Every structure is written in C-alpha cells, then in structure tokens.
Protein backbone atom coordinates (compact mmCIF):
# COMPACT_ATOMS: atom_id res chain seq x y z
CA UNK A 1 20.63 -2.85 -0.40
CA UNK A 2 18.62 -0.64 1.99
CA UNK A 3 17.87 1.98 -0.71
CA UNK A 4 16.83 -0.76 -3.06
CA UNK A 5 14.51 -2.29 -0.46
CA UNK A 6 12.98 1.02 0.31
CA UNK A 7 12.33 1.97 -3.37
CA UNK A 8 11.10 -1.38 -4.44
CA UNK A 9 8.67 -1.81 -1.54
CA UNK A 10 7.37 1.81 -1.91
CA UNK A 11 6.84 1.33 -5.74
CA UNK A 12 5.05 -2.01 -5.10
CA UNK A 13 2.84 -0.60 -2.37
CA UNK A 14 1.91 2.48 -4.66
CA UNK A 15 1.02 0.31 -7.72
CA UNK A 16 -0.81 -2.43 -5.90
CA UNK A 17 -2.32 -0.07 -3.41
CA UNK A 18 -3.79 2.26 -6.10
CA UNK A 19 -5.20 -0.67 -8.02
CA UNK A 20 -6.87 -2.16 -4.91
CA UNK A 21 -8.11 1.22 -3.75
CA UNK A 22 -9.68 1.99 -6.88
CA UNK A 23 -11.19 -1.55 -7.25
CA UNK A 24 -12.79 -1.35 -3.82
CA UNK A 25 -14.04 2.18 -4.37
CA UNK A 26 -15.70 1.27 -7.69
CA UNK A 27 -17.13 -2.01 -6.37
CA UNK A 28 -18.67 -0.34 -3.19
CA UNK A 29 -20.13 2.49 -5.42
CA UNK A 30 -21.75 -0.15 -7.65
CA UNK A 31 -23.60 -1.70 -4.73
CA UNK A 32 -27.24 -0.63 -5.17
CA UNK A 33 -28.12 -1.07 -1.44
CA UNK A 34 -26.34 1.94 0.19
CA UNK A 35 -26.74 0.49 3.73
CA UNK A 36 -25.09 -2.71 2.56
CA UNK A 37 -22.32 -0.59 0.88
CA UNK A 38 -21.62 1.10 4.10
CA UNK A 39 -21.26 -2.24 5.86
CA UNK A 40 -18.79 -3.39 3.18
CA UNK A 41 -16.89 -0.06 3.42
CA UNK A 42 -16.57 -0.49 7.21
CA UNK A 43 -15.29 -4.09 6.99
CA UNK A 44 -12.38 -3.18 4.63
CA UNK A 45 -11.77 0.10 6.56
CA UNK A 46 -11.50 -1.77 9.94
CA UNK A 47 -7.89 -2.94 9.61
CA UNK A 48 -6.63 0.58 9.45
CA UNK A 49 -7.47 1.03 13.10
CA UNK A 50 -5.37 -2.01 14.28
CA UNK A 51 -1.90 -1.05 15.41
CA UNK A 52 1.10 -2.65 14.17
CA UNK A 53 1.67 -4.36 17.51
CA UNK A 54 -1.60 -6.18 17.07
CA UNK A 55 -0.83 -7.01 13.47
CA UNK A 56 2.60 -8.26 14.38
CA UNK A 57 0.96 -10.63 16.97
CA UNK A 58 -1.52 -11.82 14.31
CA UNK A 59 1.18 -12.46 11.81
CA UNK A 60 3.21 -14.30 14.49
CA UNK A 61 0.20 -16.42 15.25
CA UNK A 62 0.09 -17.44 11.63
CA UNK A 63 3.80 -17.90 11.04
CA UNK A 64 5.14 -19.16 14.33
CA UNK A 65 7.33 -22.25 13.53
CA UNK A 66 6.10 -24.34 16.31
CA UNK A 67 2.51 -23.28 16.93
CA UNK A 68 1.53 -21.14 13.88
CA UNK A 69 -1.57 -21.77 11.96
CA UNK A 70 0.27 -22.07 8.70
CA UNK A 71 2.84 -24.62 9.91
CA UNK A 72 0.46 -26.69 12.11
CA UNK A 73 -2.60 -26.85 9.85
CA UNK A 74 -2.26 -25.38 6.33
CA UNK A 75 1.16 -26.79 5.12
CA UNK A 76 0.45 -30.34 6.47
CA UNK A 77 -2.94 -30.41 4.69
CA UNK A 78 -0.89 -29.60 1.48
CA UNK A 79 1.71 -32.24 2.18
CA UNK A 80 4.56 -29.58 2.78
CA UNK A 81 7.07 -29.37 5.53
CA UNK A 82 6.99 -26.59 8.11
CA UNK A 83 8.81 -23.40 7.25
CA UNK A 84 10.81 -21.28 9.61
CA UNK A 85 9.28 -17.97 8.34
CA UNK A 86 11.21 -15.71 10.63
CA UNK A 87 14.68 -16.85 9.27
CA UNK A 88 13.68 -17.08 5.56
CA UNK A 89 14.11 -13.38 4.03
CA UNK A 90 12.79 -14.60 0.57
CA UNK A 91 9.12 -14.92 1.90
CA UNK A 92 8.84 -11.58 3.39
CA UNK A 93 8.45 -9.24 0.29
CA UNK A 94 5.15 -11.08 -0.32
CA UNK A 95 4.14 -11.16 3.34
CA UNK A 96 4.78 -7.49 3.89
CA UNK A 97 3.01 -6.54 0.74
CA UNK A 98 -0.01 -8.62 1.77
CA UNK A 99 0.01 -7.22 5.32
CA UNK A 100 0.43 -3.58 4.02
CA UNK A 101 -2.45 -3.73 1.62
CA UNK A 102 -4.69 -5.53 4.05
CA UNK A 103 -4.23 -2.64 6.52
CA UNK A 104 -4.36 0.34 3.94
CA UNK A 105 -6.54 -0.67 1.12
CA UNK A 106 -9.73 0.31 2.88
CA UNK A 107 -8.39 3.61 4.08
CA UNK A 108 -6.99 4.53 0.65
CA UNK A 109 -10.35 3.48 -1.09
CA UNK A 110 -12.25 6.10 0.90
CA UNK A 111 -10.53 8.95 -1.05
CA UNK A 112 -11.36 7.31 -4.32
CA UNK A 113 -14.86 6.45 -3.28
CA UNK A 114 -15.37 10.23 -2.62
CA UNK A 115 -14.06 11.05 -6.13
CA UNK A 116 -16.25 8.33 -7.75
CA UNK A 117 -19.29 9.71 -5.88
CA UNK A 118 -18.54 13.12 -7.14
CA UNK A 119 -18.78 12.12 -10.85
CA UNK A 120 -21.84 13.69 -12.63
CA UNK A 121 -24.58 11.11 -12.75
CA UNK A 122 -25.73 12.33 -16.07
CA UNK A 123 -22.82 10.63 -17.76
CA UNK A 124 -23.87 7.23 -16.45
CA UNK A 125 -27.66 7.95 -17.38
CA UNK A 126 -26.55 8.86 -20.93
CA UNK A 127 -24.47 5.72 -21.05
CA UNK A 128 -27.37 3.61 -19.91
CA UNK A 129 -29.67 5.16 -22.55
CA UNK A 130 -26.92 4.21 -25.19
CA UNK A 131 -26.92 0.58 -23.89
CA UNK A 132 -23.59 0.52 -21.89
CA UNK A 133 -23.23 -2.18 -19.39
CA UNK A 134 -21.62 -1.89 -16.01
CA UNK A 135 -18.06 -2.71 -17.26
CA UNK A 136 -18.36 -0.20 -20.15
CA UNK A 137 -19.59 2.43 -17.81
CA UNK A 138 -16.66 1.85 -15.48
CA UNK A 139 -14.10 1.57 -18.45
CA UNK A 140 -15.33 4.67 -20.41
CA UNK A 141 -16.57 6.99 -17.57
CA UNK A 142 -15.42 6.10 -14.11
CA UNK A 143 -11.68 5.33 -14.82
CA UNK A 144 -11.10 8.32 -17.16
CA UNK A 145 -12.73 10.55 -14.55
CA UNK A 146 -10.47 9.14 -11.84
CA UNK A 147 -7.29 9.49 -13.83
CA UNK A 148 -6.43 13.17 -12.70
CA UNK A 149 -7.07 12.09 -9.08
CA UNK A 150 -4.93 9.00 -9.42
CA UNK A 151 -2.01 10.91 -10.93
CA UNK A 152 -2.11 13.66 -8.28
CA UNK A 153 -2.10 11.13 -5.33
CA UNK A 154 0.68 9.21 -6.77
CA UNK A 155 2.68 12.38 -7.44
CA UNK A 156 2.45 13.26 -3.92
CA UNK A 157 3.25 9.76 -2.75
CA UNK A 158 6.40 10.02 -4.82
CA UNK A 159 7.58 12.77 -2.34
CA UNK A 160 7.77 10.08 0.44
CA UNK A 161 9.12 7.26 -1.69
CA UNK A 162 12.16 7.18 0.50
CA UNK A 163 10.23 6.95 3.67
CA UNK A 164 8.86 3.75 4.97
CA UNK A 165 6.06 2.54 7.22
CA UNK A 166 8.21 1.99 10.27
CA UNK A 167 5.67 -0.22 12.16
CA UNK A 168 5.25 -2.49 9.08
CA UNK A 169 9.02 -3.18 8.74
CA UNK A 170 10.06 -3.08 12.40
CA UNK A 171 7.06 -4.60 14.21
CA UNK A 172 5.73 -7.13 11.76
CA UNK A 173 9.08 -8.68 11.18
CA UNK A 174 9.91 -8.70 14.89
CA UNK A 175 13.14 -6.78 13.87
CA UNK A 176 14.67 -10.18 13.10
CA UNK A 177 18.23 -9.77 12.02
CA UNK A 178 18.10 -12.90 9.70
CA UNK A 179 15.34 -10.94 7.55
CA UNK A 180 17.31 -7.79 7.12
CA UNK A 181 18.44 -8.61 3.53
CA UNK A 182 14.72 -8.28 2.36
CA UNK A 183 13.09 -6.23 5.15
CA UNK A 184 15.80 -3.60 6.16
CA UNK A 185 14.77 -0.05 4.81
CA UNK A 186 16.09 3.40 5.63
CA UNK A 187 13.87 4.09 8.45
CA UNK A 188 14.55 0.81 10.40
CA UNK A 189 18.33 1.21 9.56
CA UNK A 190 18.41 4.70 11.15
CA UNK A 191 16.46 3.41 14.13
CA UNK A 192 18.88 0.44 14.59
CA UNK A 193 21.91 2.53 14.22
CA UNK A 194 20.61 5.05 16.77
CA UNK A 195 19.75 2.27 19.22
CA UNK A 196 23.21 0.62 18.89
CA UNK A 197 25.57 3.62 18.34
CA UNK A 198 23.62 6.70 19.37
CA UNK A 199 24.77 8.40 16.10
CA UNK A 200 22.41 11.36 15.80
CA UNK A 201 24.37 12.61 12.85
CA UNK A 202 23.39 9.44 10.84
CA UNK A 203 19.66 10.16 11.50
CA UNK A 204 19.88 13.78 10.39
CA UNK A 205 21.86 12.71 7.22
CA UNK A 206 19.28 10.07 6.38
CA UNK A 207 16.39 12.50 6.88
CA UNK A 208 18.01 15.15 4.51
CA UNK A 209 18.79 12.28 1.94
CA UNK A 210 15.15 11.18 2.06
CA UNK A 211 13.82 14.78 1.70
CA UNK A 212 16.10 15.79 -1.17
CA UNK A 213 15.58 12.67 -3.29
CA UNK A 214 11.80 12.82 -2.62
CA UNK A 215 11.78 16.40 -3.80
CA UNK A 216 13.74 15.57 -7.00
CA UNK A 217 11.36 12.62 -7.70
CA UNK A 218 8.32 14.79 -7.38
CA UNK A 219 9.63 17.53 -9.69
CA UNK A 220 10.76 14.81 -12.22
CA UNK A 221 7.47 12.97 -12.15
CA UNK A 222 5.48 16.13 -12.54
CA UNK A 223 7.66 17.28 -15.49
CA UNK A 224 6.91 13.87 -17.17
CA UNK A 225 3.15 14.18 -16.49
CA UNK A 226 3.10 17.78 -17.80
CA UNK A 227 4.78 16.52 -21.08
CA UNK A 228 2.42 13.65 -21.47
CA UNK A 229 -0.94 15.23 -20.05
CA UNK A 230 -0.48 18.86 -19.16
CA UNK A 231 -3.89 19.26 -17.65
CA UNK A 232 -3.15 16.70 -15.04
CA UNK A 233 0.27 18.08 -13.77
CA UNK A 234 0.25 19.64 -10.30
CA UNK A 235 2.28 22.65 -11.41
C-alpha cells in the first residue's frame, strides 16, 4: 500500500506538474507587456515560499469540520452536508494533488520559461510571415523545442520517484492515522516507525530501497527514450 501510494502520487505530480509548468511558462511568455508578465510570474511563484506548516494551517482553515470555510459556507450553499475531511481518506488524493501543484507549479514553470525564452525568435518571425496564429506557433514551434527539456527533467525526476515531499504528506494531513490508507508514503512511514520504535535499521533499509529502485527506473526510462528518440536521451 505504501509503495503504491508513493508511486501513484509521484507519477500524478510529475504528469500534472509538467503540464501546468509548461502551460504557465507559455502563457507568461505570450504576455506582450513584460512588466505585467513579471507580476503574473511572481504571483504564481509566491506559494513556493510558504512553508508546509503555513499551508497545513490554511488547509485546516478550509477543511475543519466545525469551523472550516468549506463546511460552514460552501457545502451549505450547494445543499450538501458537512464532511469530516480528516477522517475520510478518499478525498485526500485530490486534496494533496491540488495543494502540491498550487505550491510547486510556479517554481517549476520558471525553468520552462527560461527554456521558452531561449528559443530563437526567427522561428516565430518566419511563422508569423507564413500566417501562423498563436496556437499554431505554440504547437509547431514552442512545444517541439521544449520536448528535449521536458524529457530530461522527467528522467531526472524518475530518480526520486520513491521519495516523497515529506511536508506535504505529514504536515498537510496533520499525520492523521485515519488517512493513512491514502496518505501514507515511504518517507512518512519511515518517520513514524522511527518515532514509535526507534528502528534505525528500517530507515537505512528504506533509503537503500528508494535509491536502488530510483536508479533502475532512470536507466530503464533512459533506455526507452534512447530507442524512441536517441537525440533526447541523457546517455
């Protein structure tokens, strides 16, 4: 269960995170007013600087059963009954995904924005002369140019596929035992095991397990990329 949760969350975060980061990078790059583009970039980048303790407090303010904004305002407006969010595991895959992307999308978009900004502008000028609209320029120039960058970043991310954002899964969920079926990942399991039993051997074994599997996944993914698109492989 713990391995399943770790893998599924990280795959979801990689896929959704890449889509959002590329989307924000392209949108910001398309803003003609560069000062306004900087404002937009700072707004989406700001959540990255908020600690998970602060984020956990914000999430609790929304989801608290007795006084949370969702239960007191939003659900009654929709004619729905209050939900005890911190005892219902089924809701948390979506909640954690939303919180993770809200925090990291702006930070991840910076790298893609740098890549987009580095694309030779003569390609776009030639496309405009040929009558290409914004969507066509994005589809046939920007996205193909970003493809190698996207592949490399995701190959590197695969190396940490068995590692989790500890603050996200521990702080945001308040380490609620009732949520463990859908929120327990390898890192929080090791921490809880250490806190309750003091088993340092378990921590060392889990670290070795994460490193070896991550190494195998990177090699396997790179082999697959090399067969499909040799010029985009890392080695």
